[in-house]
Amino acid sequence: MKGRPSEYGSMALAFILPLLVSALSAPATSATKAERAEYKKAPGPYRVEAVRYDWQDKARNRPVPVKIYCPATGDGPFPVIIFSHGAGGSREGYEYLGRQWASYGYVSVHVQHKGSDEEIWRGTSGPLAALRKAVADPRNAVERPRDVSFAIDRVEEMNRTESPFRGRLDLTRVGVAGHSFGAWTTLAVVGETFILPGGRQLTFTDPRVRAAISMSAPAPRGRNTPASAFGGIRVPCLHMTGTLDDSPMGDTKAPERRIPYDNINGADQYLVTFVDGDHMIFSGRGRLPVGAKDALFQDLIRMGTTAFWDAYLLDDPGAKAWLADGGYAAALDKNGRLEAKLKQSAASGPPAGRP
């Protein structure tokens, strides 16, 4: 009858309809998954320039050289990141991170810490011994976090006085990051507590810092317990390490790098552990042979750190969702493990990798 489906037509519809429903509700294609897995992997829209300053902290009679990576154009205001190098490093290191962040609208200030920088080992017959001595020197432990706070003071001054940065910096959105001894410095600035002889507590907390990235943080030693050392930290942190991240000069072993993450509960915390990643994947090799997976690891570090700054300095919910709900875990794939302890998940359901 006209307008009435045939028996064969009804059978065909019954066969096709479930396929349509299945197709519409199927998981994303591999291409879509690949797109979702990448977060700002390529350089961002801003052309980047780098400028150097040789600052002097008159109160401490201490030089504080810096190299600043910044957007070459644009009024801003741009969030500010202070970066602290590892023992034996300099303001010239970690350029891949400074340029990445600046290309996405951040101003990255790379501080050089006198007394634990490259000057201590250049020209010596025992560079490793010189580095160990610098790390053990309590004066460096004190001056490093003070260098970071001084750098924030200076960029505040540059933002309000005649300078190329006047009015272009957002000092309500400050982050701190660092690697190795720089990770120690970072955690000190955001609230790690130290126990001195006699039981007196010492902190270097700078309340202007809103978020932190700690790469290869050393384990606390001596009188301090992990709970008392890190329990007072109240800012979001991204912790990064690798399964081969033993200290080249101290006694911290790779599994101990997670101790800060395990003992900070006052704000959102993330931990990335790169499979087969060693201590040098974060900084580059210098004169050492480049590892086979260094380029891959650095891409993953760029993506994860940029998403973290976007989430916690720019308050971008999309960036937080990418971190918390599977995007970063998909990007890491078999090359790393992501764990998260969140005060509130960015979306329904537990974040990927959450214990």
Protein backbone atom coordinates (compact mmCIF):
# COMPACT_ATOMS: atom_id res chain seq x y z
CA MET A 1 0.00 0.00 0.00
CA LYS A 2 1.29 3.47 -0.85
CA GLY A 3 3.10 5.09 2.08
CA ARG A 4 3.37 1.84 3.97
CA PRO A 5 6.87 0.36 4.33
CA SER A 6 7.41 -3.02 2.79
CA GLU A 7 8.33 -6.00 4.90
CA TYR A 8 11.86 -5.78 3.53
CA GLY A 9 11.96 -2.04 4.27
CA SER A 10 10.94 -2.66 7.87
CA MET A 11 13.61 -5.32 8.21
CA ALA A 12 16.22 -2.97 6.77
CA LEU A 13 15.19 -0.18 9.15
CA ALA A 14 15.35 -2.57 12.07
CA PHE A 15 18.89 -3.50 11.02
CA ILE A 16 20.17 0.02 10.28
CA LEU A 17 18.68 1.85 13.28
CA PRO A 18 20.88 0.14 15.90
CA LEU A 19 23.94 0.86 13.75
CA LEU A 20 23.02 4.56 13.63
CA VAL A 21 22.51 4.69 17.37
CA SER A 22 25.81 2.88 17.92
CA ALA A 23 27.66 5.23 15.58
CA LEU A 24 26.26 8.34 17.24
CA SER A 25 27.18 7.13 20.72
CA ALA A 26 30.53 5.56 19.81
CA PRO A 27 33.76 6.81 21.44
CA ALA A 28 35.74 9.51 19.67
CA THR A 29 37.79 8.43 16.68
CA SER A 30 41.53 8.02 17.05
CA ALA A 31 42.06 11.37 15.31
CA THR A 32 39.74 13.09 17.77
CA LYS A 33 41.55 11.41 20.66
CA ALA A 34 44.88 12.60 19.30
CA GLU A 35 43.60 16.15 19.05
CA ARG A 36 42.24 15.97 22.57
CA ALA A 37 45.55 14.64 23.85
CA GLU A 38 47.50 17.65 22.66
CA TYR A 39 47.30 20.91 24.60
CA LYS A 40 49.21 23.85 23.12
CA LYS A 41 52.01 21.60 21.95
CA ALA A 42 53.13 23.99 19.22
CA PRO A 43 54.46 27.49 20.03
CA GLY A 44 51.74 30.00 20.87
CA PRO A 45 50.57 33.13 19.06
CA TYR A 46 53.00 35.61 20.65
CA ARG A 47 56.41 36.30 19.21
CA VAL A 48 58.90 35.92 22.05
CA GLU A 49 61.79 38.16 22.99
CA ALA A 50 64.35 37.71 25.75
CA VAL A 51 66.00 40.45 27.79
CA ARG A 52 68.65 40.23 30.50
CA TYR A 53 69.05 42.33 33.63
CA ASP A 54 71.78 42.29 36.26
CA TRP A 55 69.79 43.24 39.32
CA GLN A 56 71.36 44.06 42.67
CA ASP A 57 69.63 43.42 45.99
CA LYS A 58 71.11 46.22 48.05
CA ALA A 59 69.61 44.94 51.29
CA ARG A 60 71.59 41.70 50.96
CA ASN A 61 74.47 43.12 48.90
CA ARG A 62 73.74 40.34 46.45
CA PRO A 63 73.64 40.27 42.64
CA VAL A 64 70.56 38.63 41.11
CA PRO A 65 70.99 38.20 37.33
CA VAL A 66 67.83 37.34 35.39
CA LYS A 67 66.75 36.53 31.87
CA ILE A 68 63.15 37.40 31.05
CA TYR A 69 61.16 35.74 28.27
CA CYS A 70 58.12 37.81 27.33
CA PRO A 71 55.62 38.48 24.54
CA ALA A 72 57.22 40.98 22.16
CA THR A 73 53.88 42.72 21.58
CA GLY A 74 50.58 43.09 23.37
CA ASP A 75 49.43 45.27 26.23
CA GLY A 76 48.73 42.44 28.63
CA PRO A 77 48.61 42.41 31.55
CA PHE A 78 50.48 39.11 31.44
CA PRO A 79 50.84 36.68 34.39
CA VAL A 80 54.37 36.30 35.77
CA ILE A 81 56.35 33.11 36.40
CA ILE A 82 59.61 33.07 38.37
CA PHE A 83 61.86 30.14 37.41
CA SER A 84 64.64 28.73 39.63
CA HIS A 85 67.41 26.63 38.06
CA GLY A 86 69.08 23.54 39.51
CA ALA A 87 72.51 23.45 41.14
CA GLY A 88 75.19 24.53 38.69
CA GLY A 89 72.72 26.16 36.29
CA SER A 90 72.20 29.72 35.14
CA ARG A 91 69.63 32.14 33.80
CA GLU A 92 70.37 30.79 30.32
CA GLY A 93 68.94 27.35 31.11
CA TYR A 94 65.45 25.95 30.55
CA GLU A 95 64.95 28.15 27.52
CA TYR A 96 62.47 25.71 26.01
CA LEU A 97 60.10 26.42 28.90
CA GLY A 98 60.63 30.18 28.99
CA ARG A 99 59.87 30.48 25.28
CA GLN A 100 56.89 28.13 25.46
CA TRP A 101 55.20 30.01 28.28
CA ALA A 102 55.95 33.45 26.84
CA SER A 103 54.49 32.41 23.48
CA TYR A 104 51.19 31.86 25.27
CA GLY A 105 51.13 35.18 27.07
CA TYR A 106 53.22 34.70 30.22
CA VAL A 107 56.31 36.58 31.37
CA SER A 108 58.91 34.05 32.54
CA VAL A 109 61.68 35.44 34.76
CA HIS A 110 64.65 33.03 35.01
CA VAL A 111 66.71 33.84 38.08
CA GLN A 112 70.39 32.97 38.47
CA HIS A 113 71.32 32.06 42.05
CA LYS A 114 74.83 33.12 42.97
CA GLY A 115 76.67 30.55 45.08
CA SER A 116 74.90 27.60 43.46
CA ASP A 117 75.13 28.56 39.79
CA GLU A 118 77.48 27.63 36.95
CA GLU A 119 80.29 29.76 38.35
CA ILE A 120 80.96 27.26 41.15
CA TRP A 121 82.06 24.44 38.82
CA ARG A 122 83.50 26.11 35.72
CA GLY A 123 87.27 25.65 35.57
CA THR A 124 87.41 23.22 38.50
CA SER A 125 88.92 19.75 38.37
CA GLY A 126 86.03 18.31 40.40
CA PRO A 127 82.74 19.85 39.25
CA LEU A 128 80.55 17.26 40.97
CA ALA A 129 82.26 17.87 44.31
CA ALA A 130 81.76 21.62 43.86
CA LEU A 131 78.05 21.08 43.19
CA ARG A 132 77.63 18.88 46.25
CA LYS A 133 79.33 21.49 48.39
CA ALA A 134 77.02 24.21 47.08
CA VAL A 135 73.90 22.15 47.74
CA ALA A 136 75.05 21.42 51.32
CA ASP A 137 75.83 25.08 52.07
CA PRO A 138 73.00 26.48 54.28
CA ARG A 139 73.64 29.99 52.94
CA ASN A 140 72.41 28.90 49.51
CA ALA A 141 69.33 27.32 51.06
CA VAL A 142 68.49 30.68 52.63
CA GLU A 143 69.38 32.99 49.74
CA ARG A 144 67.64 31.09 46.95
CA PRO A 145 64.02 31.64 48.09
CA ARG A 146 64.94 35.22 48.98
CA ASP A 147 66.16 35.67 45.39
CA VAL A 148 62.70 34.62 44.18
CA SER A 149 60.88 37.07 46.44
CA PHE A 150 63.32 39.81 45.42
CA ALA A 151 62.56 39.06 41.77
CA ILE A 152 58.85 39.49 42.44
CA ASP A 153 59.63 42.81 44.15
CA ARG A 154 61.54 43.97 41.07
CA VAL A 155 58.89 43.01 38.53
CA GLU A 156 56.32 44.81 40.68
CA GLU A 157 58.54 47.88 40.53
CA MET A 158 59.00 47.54 36.75
CA ASN A 159 55.25 47.28 36.31
CA ARG A 160 54.58 50.62 38.00
CA THR A 161 57.59 52.68 36.89
CA GLU A 162 59.14 53.65 33.57
CA SER A 163 60.25 50.40 31.95
CA PRO A 164 59.35 48.29 28.91
CA PHE A 165 57.08 46.28 31.24
CA ARG A 166 55.13 49.18 32.72
CA GLY A 167 51.47 48.20 33.05
CA ARG A 168 52.00 44.92 31.15
CA LEU A 169 52.35 42.57 34.14
CA ASP A 170 49.58 41.01 36.21
CA LEU A 171 51.06 40.68 39.67
CA THR A 172 47.86 39.14 41.02
CA ARG A 173 48.75 36.04 38.98
CA VAL A 174 52.24 34.91 39.98
CA GLY A 175 53.61 31.39 39.67
CA VAL A 176 56.95 29.87 40.70
CA ALA A 177 58.66 26.88 39.08
CA GLY A 178 62.00 25.14 39.41
CA HIS A 179 64.03 21.99 38.86
CA SER A 180 66.06 19.99 41.40
CA PHE A 181 67.56 22.58 43.78
CA GLY A 182 65.16 24.93 42.03
CA ALA A 183 62.27 22.62 42.97
CA TRP A 184 63.44 22.84 46.58
CA THR A 185 63.47 26.63 46.17
CA THR A 186 59.97 26.57 44.68
CA LEU A 187 58.46 24.57 47.53
CA ALA A 188 60.22 26.78 50.06
CA VAL A 189 58.60 29.86 48.52
CA VAL A 190 55.10 28.34 48.67
CA GLY A 191 55.27 27.18 52.27
CA GLU A 192 57.62 24.29 53.04
CA THR A 193 58.57 24.37 56.74
CA PHE A 194 62.11 23.72 57.98
CA ILE A 195 63.13 22.62 61.48
CA LEU A 196 66.30 24.22 62.82
CA PRO A 197 68.48 23.00 65.69
CA GLY A 198 66.59 23.61 68.90
CA GLY A 199 63.24 22.95 67.22
CA ARG A 200 62.71 26.43 65.78
CA GLN A 201 60.69 26.53 62.55
CA LEU A 202 61.77 28.51 59.50
CA THR A 203 59.69 29.38 56.43
CA PHE A 204 60.20 31.53 53.33
CA THR A 205 56.55 31.66 52.25
CA ASP A 206 55.70 34.41 49.79
CA PRO A 207 51.91 34.95 49.81
CA ARG A 208 52.00 36.58 46.36
CA VAL A 209 52.52 33.18 44.69
CA ARG A 210 49.31 31.49 43.48
CA ALA A 211 50.62 28.25 41.94
CA ALA A 212 53.84 26.24 41.63
CA ILE A 213 55.54 23.64 39.45
CA SER A 214 58.14 21.43 41.12
CA MET A 215 60.39 19.23 38.95
CA SER A 216 62.53 16.59 40.70
CA ALA A 217 62.07 17.88 44.24
CA PRO A 218 64.51 16.49 46.82
CA ALA A 219 63.20 14.55 49.80
CA PRO A 220 63.35 16.30 53.19
CA ARG A 221 66.10 15.12 55.52
CA GLY A 222 67.16 15.61 59.11
CA ARG A 223 64.72 16.60 61.83
CA ASN A 224 61.80 17.33 59.53
CA THR A 225 59.11 14.81 58.68
CA PRO A 226 57.32 14.98 55.32
CA ALA A 227 54.01 15.82 56.99
CA SER A 228 55.45 18.75 58.92
CA ALA A 229 57.58 19.91 55.99
CA PHE A 230 54.83 20.06 53.36
CA GLY A 231 51.60 20.06 55.34
CA GLY A 232 51.35 23.84 55.40
CA ILE A 233 51.43 24.37 51.62
CA ARG A 234 48.13 25.81 50.41
CA VAL A 235 48.68 26.49 46.71
CA PRO A 236 48.05 24.22 43.70
CA CYS A 237 51.18 22.37 42.59
CA LEU A 238 52.22 20.30 39.61
CA HIS A 239 54.96 17.85 40.62
CA MET A 240 57.08 16.17 37.94
CA THR A 241 59.61 13.35 38.14
CA GLY A 242 60.70 10.18 36.32
CA THR A 243 61.14 6.54 37.15
CA LEU A 244 64.94 6.96 36.76
CA ASP A 245 65.10 10.33 38.55
CA ASP A 246 67.78 9.49 41.10
CA SER A 247 69.76 12.50 42.28
CA PRO A 248 73.14 12.85 40.54
CA MET A 249 74.66 14.50 43.60
CA GLY A 250 72.40 13.91 46.62
CA ASP A 251 70.75 10.93 48.27
CA THR A 252 67.19 11.33 46.93
CA LYS A 253 66.05 8.27 44.99
CA ALA A 254 63.45 8.37 42.23
CA PRO A 255 60.57 6.92 44.32
CA GLU A 256 61.12 9.63 46.96
CA ARG A 257 60.38 12.44 44.50
CA ARG A 258 56.66 11.92 45.12
CA ILE A 259 56.92 12.76 48.84
CA PRO A 260 55.82 16.42 48.48
CA TYR A 261 52.78 15.37 46.41
CA ASP A 262 51.80 12.74 48.97
CA ASN A 263 51.98 15.21 51.87
CA ILE A 264 50.32 18.34 50.45
CA ASN A 265 46.56 18.33 50.90
CA GLY A 266 45.58 21.98 51.17
CA ALA A 267 45.04 22.59 47.42
CA ASP A 268 44.88 20.76 44.10
CA GLN A 269 47.95 18.61 43.49
CA TYR A 270 49.12 16.75 40.38
CA LEU A 271 51.97 14.29 39.99
CA VAL A 272 53.46 13.23 36.65
CA THR A 273 55.97 10.37 36.61
CA PHE A 274 57.66 9.91 33.24
CA VAL A 275 58.44 6.27 32.47
CA ASP A 276 62.21 5.93 31.92
CA GLY A 277 62.65 9.65 32.55
CA ASP A 278 65.85 10.59 34.39
CA HIS A 279 66.93 13.72 36.22
CA MET A 280 68.07 15.58 33.12
CA ILE A 281 64.94 15.39 30.98
CA PHE A 282 63.68 18.62 32.55
CA SER A 283 66.76 20.79 31.99
CA GLY A 284 68.43 19.45 28.86
CA ARG A 285 71.70 17.59 28.78
CA GLY A 286 74.26 20.33 28.41
CA ARG A 287 77.37 18.52 27.22
CA LEU A 288 75.94 15.08 28.00
CA PRO A 289 74.51 12.84 25.24
CA VAL A 290 70.86 13.57 24.49
CA GLY A 291 68.47 10.82 25.55
CA ALA A 292 66.40 8.98 22.96
CA LYS A 293 63.10 10.23 24.44
CA ASP A 294 64.16 13.72 25.50
CA ALA A 295 62.22 15.49 22.71
CA LEU A 296 59.07 13.52 23.53
CA PHE A 297 59.38 14.21 27.25
CA GLN A 298 59.93 17.91 26.66
CA ASP A 299 56.80 18.09 24.48
CA LEU A 300 54.83 16.49 27.30
CA ILE A 301 56.39 18.87 29.84
CA ARG A 302 55.50 21.88 27.67
CA MET A 303 51.89 20.78 27.34
CA GLY A 304 51.38 19.86 30.99
CA THR A 305 53.01 22.96 32.43
CA THR A 306 51.19 25.32 30.05
CA ALA A 307 47.85 23.71 30.90
CA PHE A 308 48.64 24.00 34.60
CA TRP A 309 49.43 27.73 34.36
CA ASP A 310 46.28 28.28 32.28
CA ALA A 311 44.21 26.42 34.86
CA TYR A 312 45.59 28.03 38.00
CA LEU A 313 46.91 31.44 36.95
CA LEU A 314 44.28 32.21 34.29
CA ASP A 315 41.45 30.23 35.94
CA ASP A 316 40.68 28.51 32.64
CA PRO A 317 38.17 25.67 33.26
CA GLY A 318 39.01 24.03 29.93
CA ALA A 319 42.67 23.73 30.90
CA LYS A 320 41.74 22.29 34.29
CA ALA A 321 39.42 19.78 32.63
CA TRP A 322 42.22 18.72 30.27
CA LEU A 323 44.47 18.09 33.26
CA ALA A 324 41.92 16.44 35.51
CA ASP A 325 39.62 14.48 33.25
CA GLY A 326 41.77 12.52 30.87
CA GLY A 327 43.38 14.84 28.35
CA TYR A 328 46.85 14.88 29.87
CA ALA A 329 46.68 11.19 30.70
CA ALA A 330 45.90 10.50 27.04
CA ALA A 331 48.84 12.64 25.94
CA LEU A 332 51.18 10.78 28.30
CA ASP A 333 49.92 7.42 27.05
CA LYS A 334 52.54 4.81 28.01
CA ASN A 335 55.24 7.44 28.55
CA GLY A 336 54.05 8.62 31.94
CA ARG A 337 51.56 8.28 34.79
CA LEU A 338 49.32 11.08 36.03
CA GLU A 339 47.93 11.21 39.55
CA ALA A 340 45.76 13.96 41.02
CA LYS A 341 44.38 15.02 44.40
CA LEU A 342 41.73 17.64 43.74
CA LYS A 343 39.64 19.71 46.09
CA GLN A 344 36.95 19.85 43.38
CA SER A 345 37.04 17.97 40.11
CA ALA A 346 36.76 20.06 36.96
CA ALA A 347 33.95 17.80 35.74
CA SER A 348 31.92 14.88 36.99
CA GLY A 349 33.77 11.70 37.81
CA PRO A 350 37.25 11.10 39.24
CA PRO A 351 40.25 12.51 37.39
CA ALA A 352 42.34 10.14 35.32
CA GLY A 353 44.99 8.39 37.36
CA ARG A 354 43.54 9.40 40.70
CA PRO A 355 44.28 6.75 43.32
